C-alpha atoms as a PDB file:
ATOM      1  CA  MET A   1      66.917  71.097 115.566  1.00  0.00           C
ATOM      2  CA  THR A   2      66.826  71.769 118.610  1.00  0.00           C
ATOM      3  CA  GLU A   3      68.392  68.052 119.680  1.00  0.00           C
ATOM      4  CA  THR A   4      71.309  68.484 117.539  1.00  0.00           C
ATOM      5  CA  LEU A   5      72.767  71.567 120.199  1.00  0.00           C
ATOM      6  CA  PHE A   6      73.544  68.289 122.368  1.00  0.00           C
ATOM      7  CA  GLU A   7      75.022  66.326 119.328  1.00  0.00           C
ATOM      8  CA  LEU A   8      79.270  65.818 118.686  1.00  0.00           C
ATOM      9  CA  VAL A   9      80.074  68.100 115.827  1.00  0.00           C
ATOM     10  CA  ASP A  10      80.760  66.050 112.270  1.00  0.00           C
ATOM     11  CA  ARG A  11      83.512  68.009 110.684  1.00  0.00           C
ATOM     12  CA  SER A  12      83.295  65.420 107.747  1.00  0.00           C
ATOM     13  CA  ASP A  13      79.239  66.230 106.729  1.00  0.00           C
ATOM     14  CA  TRP A  14      78.314  68.865 104.380  1.00  0.00           C
ATOM     15  CA  LYS A  15      76.237  72.224 105.222  1.00  0.00           C
ATOM     16  CA  GLU A  16      74.140  73.769 103.393  1.00  0.00           C
ATOM     17  CA  HIS A  17      75.123  77.435 103.737  1.00  0.00           C
ATOM     18  CA  SER A  18      74.395  78.824 100.458  1.00  0.00           C
ATOM     19  CA  SER A  19      71.970  77.864  97.829  1.00  0.00           C
ATOM     20  CA  SER A  20      73.211  76.185  94.820  1.00  0.00           C
ATOM     21  CA  HIS A  21      72.020  79.044  92.667  1.00  0.00           C
ATOM     22  CA  GLU A  22      74.218  81.617  94.533  1.00  0.00           C
ATOM     23  CA  VAL A  23      76.872  83.195  92.346  1.00  0.00           C
ATOM     24  CA  ASN A  24      79.418  83.368  94.266  1.00  0.00           C
ATOM     25  CA  ALA A  25      82.058  81.667  96.841  1.00  0.00           C
ATOM     26  CA  PHE A  26      82.367  81.596 100.639  1.00  0.00           C
ATOM     27  CA  TYR A  27      85.568  80.789 103.379  1.00  0.00           C
ATOM     28  CA  HIS A  28      83.362  79.786 106.040  1.00  0.00           C
ATOM     29  CA  LEU A  29      86.234  80.467 108.773  1.00  0.00           C
ATOM     30  CA  SER A  30      84.773  78.248 111.521  1.00  0.00           C
ATOM     31  CA  GLU A  31      84.692  75.318 109.960  1.00  0.00           C
ATOM     32  CA  ASN A  32      87.796  75.985 108.067  1.00  0.00           C
ATOM     33  CA  SER A  33      86.389  75.330 104.504  1.00  0.00           C
ATOM     34  CA  ILE A  34      85.029  76.716 100.892  1.00  0.00           C
ATOM     35  CA  ILE A  35      81.618  77.063  99.715  1.00  0.00           C
ATOM     36  CA  ILE A  36      81.624  77.295  95.858  1.00  0.00           C
ATOM     37  CA  PRO A  37      77.825  77.145  94.654  1.00  0.00           C
ATOM     38  CA  ALA A  38      77.153  75.286  91.346  1.00  0.00           C
ATOM     39  CA  ALA A  39      75.625  78.172  90.018  1.00  0.00           C
ATOM     40  CA  ILE A  40      79.339  79.984  89.587  1.00  0.00           C
ATOM     41  CA  LEU A  41      81.214  77.247  87.558  1.00  0.00           C
ATOM     42  CA  GLN A  42      79.712  78.893  84.218  1.00  0.00           C
ATOM     43  CA  GLY A  43      80.365  81.495  81.886  1.00  0.00           C
ATOM     44  CA  ALA A  44      83.806  83.498  82.538  1.00  0.00           C
ATOM     45  CA  VAL A  45      84.682  81.428  85.458  1.00  0.00           C
ATOM     46  CA  PHE A  46      84.256  78.203  84.633  1.00  0.00           C
ATOM     47  CA  ARG A  47      84.057  75.873  81.509  1.00  0.00           C
ATOM     48  CA  HIS A  48      84.550  72.067  80.916  1.00  0.00           C
ATOM     49  CA  GLY A  49      86.621  71.192  77.490  1.00  0.00           C
ATOM     50  CA  ARG A  50      88.434  74.835  77.352  1.00  0.00           C
ATOM     51  CA  PRO A  51      92.073  75.435  77.986  1.00  0.00           C
ATOM     52  CA  ASN A  52      92.630  75.468  81.573  1.00  0.00           C
ATOM     53  CA  TYR A  53      94.799  78.609  81.683  1.00  0.00           C
ATOM     54  CA  LEU A  54      90.996  80.169  81.100  1.00  0.00           C
ATOM     55  CA  ASN A  55      89.792  77.857  84.625  1.00  0.00           C
ATOM     56  CA  TYR A  56      92.834  78.452  86.468  1.00  0.00           C
ATOM     57  CA  ALA A  57      92.536  82.139  85.717  1.00  0.00           C
ATOM     58  CA  GLY A  58      88.830  81.918  86.473  1.00  0.00           C
ATOM     59  CA  ILE A  59      87.426  79.714  89.288  1.00  0.00           C
ATOM     60  CA  GLY A  60      91.264  78.992  90.171  1.00  0.00           C
ATOM     61  CA  PHE A  61      91.381  82.898  90.648  1.00  0.00           C
ATOM     62  CA  ILE A  62      88.269  82.358  92.951  1.00  0.00           C
ATOM     63  CA  ALA A  63      89.282  79.598  95.135  1.00  0.00           C
ATOM     64  CA  GLY A  64      92.510  81.051  96.186  1.00  0.00           C
ATOM     65  CA  HIS A  65      91.270  84.485  97.253  1.00  0.00           C
ATOM     66  CA  GLU A  66      89.307  82.224  99.410  1.00  0.00           C
ATOM     67  CA  LEU A  67      91.689  79.854 100.741  1.00  0.00           C
ATOM     68  CA  THR A  68      93.510  82.855 101.566  1.00  0.00           C
ATOM     69  CA  HIS A  69      91.236  84.269 103.502  1.00  0.00           C
ATOM     70  CA  GLY A  70      92.166  81.440 106.096  1.00  0.00           C
ATOM     71  CA  PHE A  71      95.492  83.381 106.730  1.00  0.00           C
ATOM     72  CA  ASP A  72      94.434  87.129 106.905  1.00  0.00           C
ATOM     73  CA  ASP A  73      93.282  88.161 110.366  1.00  0.00           C
ATOM     74  CA  ARG A  74      90.034  86.778 110.820  1.00  0.00           C
ATOM     75  CA  GLY A  75      91.615  83.697 109.856  1.00  0.00           C
ATOM     76  CA  LYS A  76      94.592  83.613 111.860  1.00  0.00           C
ATOM     77  CA  GLN A  77      92.138  83.661 115.554  1.00  0.00           C
ATOM     78  CA  ILE A  78      90.764  79.834 114.392  1.00  0.00           C
ATOM     79  CA  SER A  79      92.549  77.171 114.088  1.00  0.00           C
ATOM     80  CA  LYS A  80      92.514  74.188 111.575  1.00  0.00           C
ATOM     81  CA  ILE A  81      90.042  72.578 113.374  1.00  0.00           C
ATOM     82  CA  GLY A  82      87.373  75.572 113.534  1.00  0.00           C
ATOM     83  CA  GLU A  83      88.181  76.482 117.356  1.00  0.00           C
ATOM     84  CA  LEU A  84      89.576  80.325 118.540  1.00  0.00           C
ATOM     85  CA  ASP A  85      92.681  79.955 118.744  1.00  0.00           C
ATOM     86  CA  ASN A  86      95.645  82.824 117.280  1.00  0.00           C
ATOM     87  CA  TRP A  87      98.079  80.957 116.006  1.00  0.00           C
ATOM     88  CA  TRP A  88     100.230  83.240 114.955  1.00  0.00           C
ATOM     89  CA  THR A  89     103.544  84.400 116.264  1.00  0.00           C
ATOM     90  CA  ASP A  90     104.749  88.469 117.287  1.00  0.00           C
ATOM     91  CA  GLU A  91     106.817  88.141 114.400  1.00  0.00           C
ATOM     92  CA  THR A  92     104.498  86.876 112.381  1.00  0.00           C
ATOM     93  CA  GLU A  93     101.853  89.272 113.357  1.00  0.00           C
ATOM     94  CA  LYS A  94     104.333  92.190 113.100  1.00  0.00           C
ATOM     95  CA  ALA A  95     105.447  91.149 109.618  1.00  0.00           C
ATOM     96  CA  TYR A  96     101.683  90.526 108.673  1.00  0.00           C
ATOM     97  CA  GLY A  97     100.685  94.518 109.308  1.00  0.00           C
ATOM     98  CA  GLU A  98     104.143  95.514 107.358  1.00  0.00           C
ATOM     99  CA  LYS A  99     103.188  93.885 104.296  1.00  0.00           C
ATOM    100  CA  ALA A 100      99.220  94.812 105.022  1.00  0.00           C
ATOM    101  CA  LYS A 101     100.165  98.404 105.044  1.00  0.00           C
ATOM    102  CA  CYS A 102     101.588  98.349 101.511  1.00  0.00           C
ATOM    103  CA  ILE A 103      98.418  96.861 100.150  1.00  0.00           C
ATOM    104  CA  LEU A 104      96.618  99.362 102.575  1.00  0.00           C
ATOM    105  CA  ASP A 105      98.343 102.629 101.307  1.00  0.00           C
ATOM    106  CA  GLN A 106      98.064 101.329  97.039  1.00  0.00           C
ATOM    107  CA  PHE A 107      94.233 101.168  97.625  1.00  0.00           C
ATOM    108  CA  ASN A 108      93.409 104.463  99.565  1.00  0.00           C
ATOM    109  CA  ASN A 109      95.430 106.386  96.523  1.00  0.00           C
ATOM    110  CA  PHE A 110      92.932 104.397  93.862  1.00  0.00           C
ATOM    111  CA  LYS A 111      90.863 107.862  93.154  1.00  0.00           C
ATOM    112  CA  SER A 112      88.337 108.621  90.067  1.00  0.00           C
ATOM    113  CA  GLU A 113      88.285 112.502  89.908  1.00  0.00           C
ATOM    114  CA  LYS A 114      85.193 112.357  87.630  1.00  0.00           C
ATOM    115  CA  LEU A 115      83.324 111.025  90.771  1.00  0.00           C
ATOM    116  CA  ASP A 116      85.819 112.476  93.576  1.00  0.00           C
ATOM    117  CA  ALA A 117      85.819 109.458  95.581  1.00  0.00           C
ATOM    118  CA  HIS A 118      88.644 107.023  96.371  1.00  0.00           C
ATOM    119  CA  VAL A 119      88.927 103.566  97.269  1.00  0.00           C
ATOM    120  CA  ASN A 120      88.235 102.708 101.128  1.00  0.00           C
ATOM    121  CA  GLY A 121      91.535 101.018 101.909  1.00  0.00           C
ATOM    122  CA  ILE A 122      91.154 100.271 105.364  1.00  0.00           C
ATOM    123  CA  VAL A 123      87.531  98.799 104.789  1.00  0.00           C
ATOM    124  CA  THR A 124      88.001  96.885 101.740  1.00  0.00           C
ATOM    125  CA  LEU A 125      91.871  95.511 102.877  1.00  0.00           C
ATOM    126  CA  GLY A 126      91.263  91.776 104.080  1.00  0.00           C
ATOM    127  CA  GLU A 127      89.416  91.098 100.259  1.00  0.00           C
ATOM    128  CA  ASN A 128      92.010  92.886  98.878  1.00  0.00           C
ATOM    129  CA  ILE A 129      94.967  90.609 100.471  1.00  0.00           C
ATOM    130  CA  ALA A 130      92.750  88.013  99.560  1.00  0.00           C
ATOM    131  CA  ASP A 131      92.817  88.988  95.840  1.00  0.00           C
ATOM    132  CA  ASN A 132      96.188  89.525  95.618  1.00  0.00           C
ATOM    133  CA  GLY A 133      97.537  85.622  97.262  1.00  0.00           C
ATOM    134  CA  GLY A 134      94.868  84.026  95.460  1.00  0.00           C
ATOM    135  CA  LEU A 135      95.715  85.239  91.903  1.00  0.00           C
ATOM    136  CA  LYS A 136      99.451  83.956  93.281  1.00  0.00           C
ATOM    137  CA  LEU A 137      98.399  80.634  94.077  1.00  0.00           C
ATOM    138  CA  ALA A 138      95.954  80.144  90.960  1.00  0.00           C
ATOM    139  CA  TYR A 139      98.843  81.207  88.698  1.00  0.00           C
ATOM    140  CA  GLU A 140     101.944  79.479  90.301  1.00  0.00           C
ATOM    141  CA  ALA A 141      98.517  76.305  90.396  1.00  0.00           C
ATOM    142  CA  TYR A 142      98.766  76.376  86.060  1.00  0.00           C
ATOM    143  CA  GLU A 143     102.262  76.615  86.206  1.00  0.00           C
ATOM    144  CA  LYS A 144     102.500  73.176  87.720  1.00  0.00           C
ATOM    145  CA  TYR A 145     100.017  71.679  85.545  1.00  0.00           C
ATOM    146  CA  VAL A 146     101.741  72.748  82.434  1.00  0.00           C
ATOM    147  CA  GLU A 147     105.169  70.927  84.129  1.00  0.00           C
ATOM    148  CA  GLU A 148     103.296  68.674  84.648  1.00  0.00           C
ATOM    149  CA  HIS A 149     101.157  68.011  81.208  1.00  0.00           C
ATOM    150  CA  GLY A 150     102.846  70.246  78.974  1.00  0.00           C
ATOM    151  CA  PRO A 151     101.860  73.727  77.068  1.00  0.00           C
ATOM    152  CA  GLU A 152      98.493  74.338  75.745  1.00  0.00           C
ATOM    153  CA  LYS A 153      97.813  75.781  72.543  1.00  0.00           C
ATOM    154  CA  CYS A 154      97.138  79.290  71.877  1.00  0.00           C
ATOM    155  CA  LEU A 155      93.224  80.545  70.918  1.00  0.00           C
ATOM    156  CA  PRO A 156      92.839  80.685  67.178  1.00  0.00           C
ATOM    157  CA  ASN A 157      93.264  83.924  66.033  1.00  0.00           C
ATOM    158  CA  LEU A 158      94.503  85.832  68.696  1.00  0.00           C
ATOM    159  CA  GLU A 159      97.764  86.848  69.336  1.00  0.00           C
ATOM    160  CA  TYR A 160      98.277  86.151  72.603  1.00  0.00           C
ATOM    161  CA  THR A 161     100.596  83.296  74.509  1.00  0.00           C
ATOM    162  CA  PRO A 162      98.793  81.039  76.889  1.00  0.00           C
ATOM    163  CA  LYS A 163     100.401  83.040  80.214  1.00  0.00           C
ATOM    164  CA  GLN A 164      98.930  86.053  78.633  1.00  0.00           C
ATOM    165  CA  LEU A 165      95.080  84.505  78.321  1.00  0.00           C
ATOM    166  CA  PHE A 166      95.830  83.928  81.675  1.00  0.00           C
ATOM    167  CA  TRP A 167      95.519  87.909  82.922  1.00  0.00           C
ATOM    168  CA  ILE A 168      92.997  88.554  80.098  1.00  0.00           C
ATOM    169  CA  SER A 169      90.820  86.080  81.733  1.00  0.00           C
ATOM    170  CA  MET A 170      90.926  86.636  84.736  1.00  0.00           C
ATOM    171  CA  ALA A 171      89.760  90.233  84.335  1.00  0.00           C
ATOM    172  CA  ASN A 172      86.606  89.715  82.380  1.00  0.00           C
ATOM    173  CA  VAL A 173      86.114  87.657  85.076  1.00  0.00           C
ATOM    174  CA  TRP A 174      85.170  91.784  86.848  1.00  0.00           C
ATOM    175  CA  CYS A 175      84.040  92.663  83.799  1.00  0.00           C
ATOM    176  CA  THR A 176      81.191  95.212  84.902  1.00  0.00           C
ATOM    177  CA  LYS A 177      79.529  98.474  84.018  1.00  0.00           C
ATOM    178  CA  LYS A 178      77.589 100.112  87.118  1.00  0.00           C
ATOM    179  CA  ARG A 179      75.825 103.730  87.488  1.00  0.00           C
ATOM    180  CA  ASP A 180      78.192 106.377  88.576  1.00  0.00           C
ATOM    181  CA  GLU A 181      76.100 106.951  92.010  1.00  0.00           C
ATOM    182  CA  ASN A 182      75.959 103.022  92.407  1.00  0.00           C
ATOM    183  CA  LEU A 183      80.316 102.797  91.747  1.00  0.00           C
ATOM    184  CA  LYS A 184      80.777 105.985  94.283  1.00  0.00           C
ATOM    185  CA  VAL A 185      78.789 104.508  96.993  1.00  0.00           C
ATOM    186  CA  GLU A 186      80.484 101.380  96.851  1.00  0.00           C
ATOM    187  CA  MET A 187      83.694 102.837  96.720  1.00  0.00           C
ATOM    188  CA  GLU A 188      82.998 104.323  99.736  1.00  0.00           C
ATOM    189  CA  THR A 189      81.498 101.749 101.699  1.00  0.00           C
ATOM    190  CA  SER A 190      81.845  98.052 100.098  1.00  0.00           C
ATOM    191  CA  ASP A 191      84.145  95.990 101.871  1.00  0.00           C
ATOM    192  CA  HIS A 192      84.983  94.965  98.044  1.00  0.00           C
ATOM    193  CA  SER A 193      87.306  97.232  95.389  1.00  0.00           C
ATOM    194  CA  PRO A 194      85.289  98.132  92.566  1.00  0.00           C
ATOM    195  CA  SER A 195      86.006  95.315  89.963  1.00  0.00           C
ATOM    196  CA  MET A 196      89.035  97.929  87.792  1.00  0.00           C
ATOM    197  CA  TYR A 197      90.698  98.324  91.296  1.00  0.00           C
ATOM    198  CA  ARG A 198      90.634  94.665  91.703  1.00  0.00           C
ATOM    199  CA  VAL A 199      92.199  94.191  88.500  1.00  0.00           C
ATOM    200  CA  TYR A 200      94.691  96.708  88.833  1.00  0.00           C
ATOM    201  CA  GLY A 201      95.467  96.104  92.315  1.00  0.00           C
ATOM    202  CA  VAL A 202      96.274  92.436  91.479  1.00  0.00           C
ATOM    203  CA  VAL A 203      98.523  92.983  88.580  1.00  0.00           C
ATOM    204  CA  ALA A 204     100.598  95.966  89.382  1.00  0.00           C
ATOM    205  CA  ASN A 205     102.011  93.829  92.122  1.00  0.00           C
ATOM    206  CA  SER A 206     102.695  91.236  90.167  1.00  0.00           C
ATOM    207  CA  LYS A 207     105.659  90.404  88.522  1.00  0.00           C
ATOM    208  CA  GLU A 208     104.455  87.845  86.525  1.00  0.00           C
ATOM    209  CA  PHE A 209     102.553  89.811  85.085  1.00  0.00           C
ATOM    210  CA  ALA A 210     105.288  92.150  83.762  1.00  0.00           C
ATOM    211  CA  LYS A 211     107.247  89.675  82.481  1.00  0.00           C
ATOM    212  CA  ASP A 212     104.539  87.878  80.694  1.00  0.00           C
ATOM    213  CA  PHE A 213     103.205  91.545  78.725  1.00  0.00           C
ATOM    214  CA  ASN A 214     106.655  92.615  78.739  1.00  0.00           C
ATOM    215  CA  CYS A 215     106.007  95.753  80.425  1.00  0.00           C
ATOM    216  CA  PRO A 216     108.372  98.913  80.647  1.00  0.00           C
ATOM    217  CA  SER A 217     109.535 100.326  83.890  1.00  0.00           C
ATOM    218  CA  SER A 218     107.459 102.917  82.944  1.00  0.00           C
ATOM    219  CA  ALA A 219     103.770 100.780  82.025  1.00  0.00           C
ATOM    220  CA  LYS A 220     101.418 101.862  84.815  1.00  0.00           C
ATOM    221  CA  MET A 221     100.546  98.292  85.720  1.00  0.00           C
ATOM    222  CA  HIS A 222     103.860  97.926  86.122  1.00  0.00           C
ATOM    223  CA  SER A 223     104.368  99.733  89.318  1.00  0.00           C
ATOM    224  CA  GLU A 224     107.819 100.226  90.773  1.00  0.00           C
ATOM    225  CA  LYS A 225     106.789  99.002  94.299  1.00  0.00           C
ATOM    226  CA  LYS A 226     105.330  95.616  94.723  1.00  0.00           C
ATOM    227  CA  CYS A 227     102.864  94.979  97.786  1.00  0.00           C
ATOM    228  CA  THR A 228     104.348  91.219  97.583  1.00  0.00           C
ATOM    229  CA  PHE A 229     102.225  89.200 100.359  1.00  0.00           C
ATOM    230  CA  TRP A 230     103.131  85.824  99.875  1.00  0.00           C
END
Protein backbone atom coordinates (compact mmCIF):
# COMPACT_ATOMS: atom_id res chain seq x y z
CA MET A 1 0.00 0.00 0.00
CA THR A 2 2.66 2.56 1.04
CA GLU A 3 4.74 2.07 -2.11
CA THR A 4 1.85 3.35 -4.23
CA LEU A 5 2.26 6.77 -2.61
CA PHE A 6 5.32 7.32 -4.81
CA GLU A 7 3.76 6.14 -8.07
CA LEU A 8 2.25 8.39 -10.71
CA VAL A 9 -1.53 8.21 -10.94
CA ASP A 10 -2.74 5.93 -13.72
CA ARG A 11 -6.08 7.44 -14.72
CA SER A 12 -6.91 4.51 -16.98
CA ASP A 13 -6.75 2.06 -14.08
CA TRP A 14 -10.01 0.61 -12.74
CA LYS A 15 -10.36 1.26 -9.04
CA GLU A 16 -12.79 -0.16 -6.54
CA HIS A 17 -14.86 2.63 -5.00
CA SER A 18 -17.86 0.55 -3.93
CA SER A 19 -19.05 -3.03 -3.72
CA SER A 20 -20.60 -4.58 -6.81
CA HIS A 21 -23.69 -5.48 -4.76
CA GLU A 22 -24.38 -1.87 -3.75
CA VAL A 23 -27.60 -0.55 -5.32
CA ASN A 24 -26.44 2.97 -6.07
CA ALA A 25 -24.40 5.07 -8.48
CA PHE A 26 -21.74 7.70 -7.89
CA TYR A 27 -19.79 10.53 -9.47
CA HIS A 28 -16.14 10.43 -8.38
CA LEU A 29 -15.03 14.05 -8.27
CA SER A 30 -11.24 13.76 -8.32
CA GLU A 31 -11.23 11.19 -11.13
CA ASN A 32 -14.05 12.78 -13.13
CA SER A 33 -15.69 9.37 -13.50
CA ILE A 34 -19.04 7.70 -12.96
CA ILE A 35 -19.29 4.49 -10.94
CA ILE A 36 -22.30 2.23 -11.59
CA PRO A 37 -22.16 -0.98 -9.50
CA ALA A 38 -23.61 -4.11 -11.10
CA ALA A 39 -26.39 -4.45 -8.52
CA ILE A 40 -28.28 -1.37 -9.70
CA LEU A 41 -28.62 -2.78 -13.23
CA GLN A 42 -31.84 -4.66 -12.54
CA GLY A 43 -35.54 -4.25 -11.80
CA ALA A 44 -37.07 -0.91 -12.68
CA VAL A 45 -33.67 0.58 -13.51
CA PHE A 46 -32.44 -1.68 -16.32
CA ARG A 47 -33.35 -4.92 -18.00
CA HIS A 48 -31.99 -6.39 -21.21
CA GLY A 49 -34.54 -7.03 -23.92
CA ARG A 50 -37.24 -4.60 -22.84
CA PRO A 51 -38.10 -1.39 -24.73
CA ASN A 52 -35.33 1.16 -24.53
CA TYR A 53 -37.61 3.96 -23.33
CA LEU A 54 -37.82 2.08 -20.02
CA ASN A 55 -34.04 1.73 -19.69
CA TYR A 56 -33.29 5.30 -20.74
CA ALA A 57 -35.73 6.49 -18.07
CA GLY A 58 -34.05 4.26 -15.49
CA ILE A 59 -30.30 3.83 -15.78
CA GLY A 60 -30.15 6.61 -18.38
CA PHE A 61 -31.58 9.10 -15.91
CA ILE A 62 -29.27 7.89 -13.14
CA ALA A 63 -26.18 8.10 -15.37
CA GLY A 64 -27.23 11.57 -16.50
CA HIS A 65 -27.70 12.62 -12.88
CA GLU A 66 -24.16 11.54 -11.98
CA LEU A 67 -22.71 13.14 -15.11
CA THR A 68 -24.36 16.45 -14.22
CA HIS A 69 -22.47 16.49 -10.91
CA GLY A 70 -19.36 17.21 -12.95
CA PHE A 71 -20.84 20.59 -13.83
CA ASP A 72 -22.25 21.74 -10.49
CA ASP A 73 -20.84 23.92 -7.72
CA ARG A 74 -18.45 21.13 -6.70
CA GLY A 75 -17.57 19.90 -10.17
CA LYS A 76 -16.53 23.42 -11.16
CA GLN A 77 -13.58 23.14 -8.77
CA ILE A 78 -12.01 20.12 -10.48
CA SER A 79 -10.54 19.99 -13.98
CA LYS A 80 -11.18 17.20 -16.47
CA ILE A 81 -8.02 15.44 -15.26
CA GLY A 82 -9.01 15.61 -11.59
CA GLU A 83 -6.91 18.56 -10.49
CA LEU A 84 -8.07 21.54 -8.42
CA ASP A 85 -8.93 24.24 -10.93
CA ASN A 86 -11.97 26.52 -10.92
CA TRP A 87 -12.64 26.50 -14.65
CA TRP A 88 -15.79 28.66 -14.58
CA THR A 89 -15.76 32.29 -15.72
CA ASP A 90 -17.38 35.04 -13.63
CA GLU A 91 -20.21 35.12 -16.17
CA THR A 92 -20.80 31.39 -15.71
CA GLU A 93 -20.79 31.76 -11.93
CA LYS A 94 -23.42 34.49 -12.12
CA ALA A 95 -25.67 32.57 -14.52
CA TYR A 96 -25.36 29.43 -12.39
CA GLY A 97 -26.35 31.35 -9.26
CA GLU A 98 -29.45 32.78 -10.93
CA LYS A 99 -30.61 29.42 -12.22
CA ALA A 100 -29.77 27.68 -8.95
CA LYS A 101 -31.94 30.14 -7.01
CA CYS A 102 -34.95 29.16 -9.12
CA ILE A 103 -34.56 25.50 -8.14
CA LEU A 104 -33.74 26.38 -4.53
CA ASP A 105 -36.96 28.40 -4.19
CA GLN A 106 -38.99 25.74 -5.98
CA PHE A 107 -37.96 22.95 -3.63
CA ASN A 108 -38.21 25.12 -0.52
CA ASN A 109 -41.89 25.41 -1.39
CA PHE A 110 -42.48 21.66 -1.41
CA LYS A 111 -44.33 21.17 1.88
CA SER A 112 -46.22 18.48 3.74
CA GLU A 113 -49.06 19.95 5.79
CA LYS A 114 -49.52 16.61 7.50
CA LEU A 115 -45.92 16.48 8.70
CA ASP A 116 -45.53 20.25 9.16
CA ALA A 117 -42.26 20.09 7.21
CA HIS A 118 -40.81 21.24 3.93
CA VAL A 119 -37.90 20.20 1.73
CA ASN A 120 -34.62 21.94 2.57
CA GLY A 121 -33.90 23.62 -0.75
CA ILE A 122 -30.38 24.65 0.23
CA VAL A 123 -29.18 21.25 1.44
CA THR A 124 -30.75 19.41 -1.52
CA LEU A 125 -29.75 21.95 -4.18
CA GLY A 126 -26.91 20.00 -5.79
CA GLU A 127 -28.93 16.80 -6.07
CA ASN A 128 -32.01 18.62 -7.39
CA ILE A 129 -29.92 20.28 -10.09
CA ALA A 130 -28.45 16.87 -10.98
CA ASP A 131 -31.95 15.39 -11.23
CA ASN A 132 -33.11 18.12 -13.60
CA GLY A 133 -29.98 17.88 -15.74
CA GLY A 134 -29.90 14.09 -15.69
CA LEU A 135 -33.48 13.68 -16.84
CA LYS A 136 -33.00 16.16 -19.65
CA LEU A 137 -29.94 14.22 -20.84
CA ALA A 138 -31.79 10.90 -20.67
CA TYR A 139 -34.77 12.23 -22.61
CA GLU A 140 -32.61 13.80 -25.31
CA ALA A 141 -30.52 10.62 -25.55
CA TYR A 142 -33.67 8.55 -26.09
CA GLU A 143 -34.89 10.96 -28.76
CA LYS A 144 -31.54 10.51 -30.52
CA TYR A 145 -31.93 6.73 -30.27
CA VAL A 146 -35.34 6.94 -31.95
CA GLU A 147 -33.93 9.15 -34.71
CA GLU A 148 -31.26 6.55 -35.46
CA HIS A 149 -33.26 3.33 -34.96
CA GLY A 150 -36.88 4.31 -35.47
CA PRO A 151 -39.82 4.40 -33.03
CA GLU A 152 -40.39 1.53 -30.61
CA LYS A 153 -43.61 -0.31 -29.95
CA CYS A 154 -45.86 0.48 -27.00
CA LEU A 155 -46.30 -2.01 -24.18
CA PRO A 156 -49.27 -4.34 -24.80
CA ASN A 157 -52.63 -3.58 -23.16
CA LEU A 158 -51.55 -0.11 -22.03
CA GLU A 159 -52.89 3.05 -23.61
CA TYR A 160 -49.67 5.02 -23.29
CA THR A 161 -47.23 6.19 -25.94
CA PRO A 162 -43.53 5.27 -25.69
CA LYS A 163 -42.70 8.79 -24.50
CA GLN A 164 -45.42 8.67 -21.86
CA LEU A 165 -44.03 5.33 -20.71
CA PHE A 166 -40.60 6.96 -20.45
CA TRP A 167 -41.97 9.34 -17.82
CA ILE A 168 -43.94 6.66 -16.01
CA SER A 169 -40.87 4.41 -15.89
CA MET A 170 -38.75 7.26 -14.52
CA ALA A 171 -41.23 7.87 -11.71
CA ASN A 172 -41.47 4.15 -10.98
CA VAL A 173 -37.73 4.01 -10.22
CA TRP A 174 -38.30 6.31 -7.23
CA CYS A 175 -41.41 4.59 -5.87
CA THR A 176 -40.99 4.24 -2.09
CA LYS A 177 -43.02 3.76 1.08
CA LYS A 178 -41.80 5.35 4.31
CA ARG A 179 -43.06 6.02 7.79
CA ASP A 180 -44.09 9.60 8.50
CA GLU A 181 -41.35 10.04 11.10
CA ASN A 182 -38.68 8.92 8.64
CA LEU A 183 -40.05 11.11 5.87
CA LYS A 184 -40.05 14.21 8.07
CA VAL A 185 -36.41 13.70 9.07
CA GLU A 186 -35.50 13.15 5.42
CA MET A 187 -37.26 16.35 4.36
CA GLU A 188 -35.43 18.40 6.97
CA THR A 189 -31.91 16.93 6.84
CA SER A 190 -31.15 14.79 3.76
CA ASP A 191 -29.15 16.12 0.82
CA HIS A 192 -31.62 14.28 -1.43
CA SER A 193 -35.23 15.40 -1.68
CA PRO A 194 -37.81 12.71 -0.82
CA SER A 195 -38.66 10.59 -3.86
CA MET A 196 -42.09 12.10 -4.50
CA TYR A 197 -40.61 15.61 -4.69
CA ARG A 198 -37.71 14.48 -6.86
CA VAL A 199 -40.24 13.22 -9.40
CA TYR A 200 -42.60 16.16 -9.09
CA GLY A 201 -39.79 18.70 -9.35
CA VAL A 202 -38.27 17.37 -12.57
CA VAL A 203 -41.55 16.84 -14.42
CA ALA A 204 -42.90 20.24 -13.36
CA ASN A 205 -39.81 21.80 -14.94
CA SER A 206 -40.06 19.84 -18.17
CA LYS A 207 -41.90 21.23 -21.17
CA GLU A 208 -41.43 17.82 -22.82
CA PHE A 209 -43.43 16.13 -20.06
CA ALA A 210 -46.26 18.64 -20.47
CA LYS A 211 -46.22 18.12 -24.24
CA ASP A 212 -46.13 14.31 -24.07
CA PHE A 213 -49.12 14.18 -21.71
CA ASN A 214 -50.89 17.17 -23.27
CA CYS A 215 -51.13 18.85 -19.85
CA PRO A 216 -53.41 21.89 -19.58
CA SER A 217 -51.78 25.09 -18.35
CA SER A 218 -53.65 24.71 -15.05
CA ALA A 219 -52.17 21.26 -14.31
CA LYS A 220 -50.16 20.99 -11.10
CA MET A 221 -47.35 19.18 -12.90
CA HIS A 222 -47.15 21.89 -15.58
CA SER A 223 -45.60 24.78 -13.65
CA GLU A 224 -45.96 28.17 -15.27
CA LYS A 225 -42.46 29.05 -14.09
CA LYS A 226 -40.07 26.31 -15.13
CA CYS A 227 -36.56 26.15 -13.71
CA THR A 228 -34.46 25.27 -16.74
CA PHE A 229 -30.79 24.75 -16.01
CA TRP A 230 -28.98 23.18 -18.92
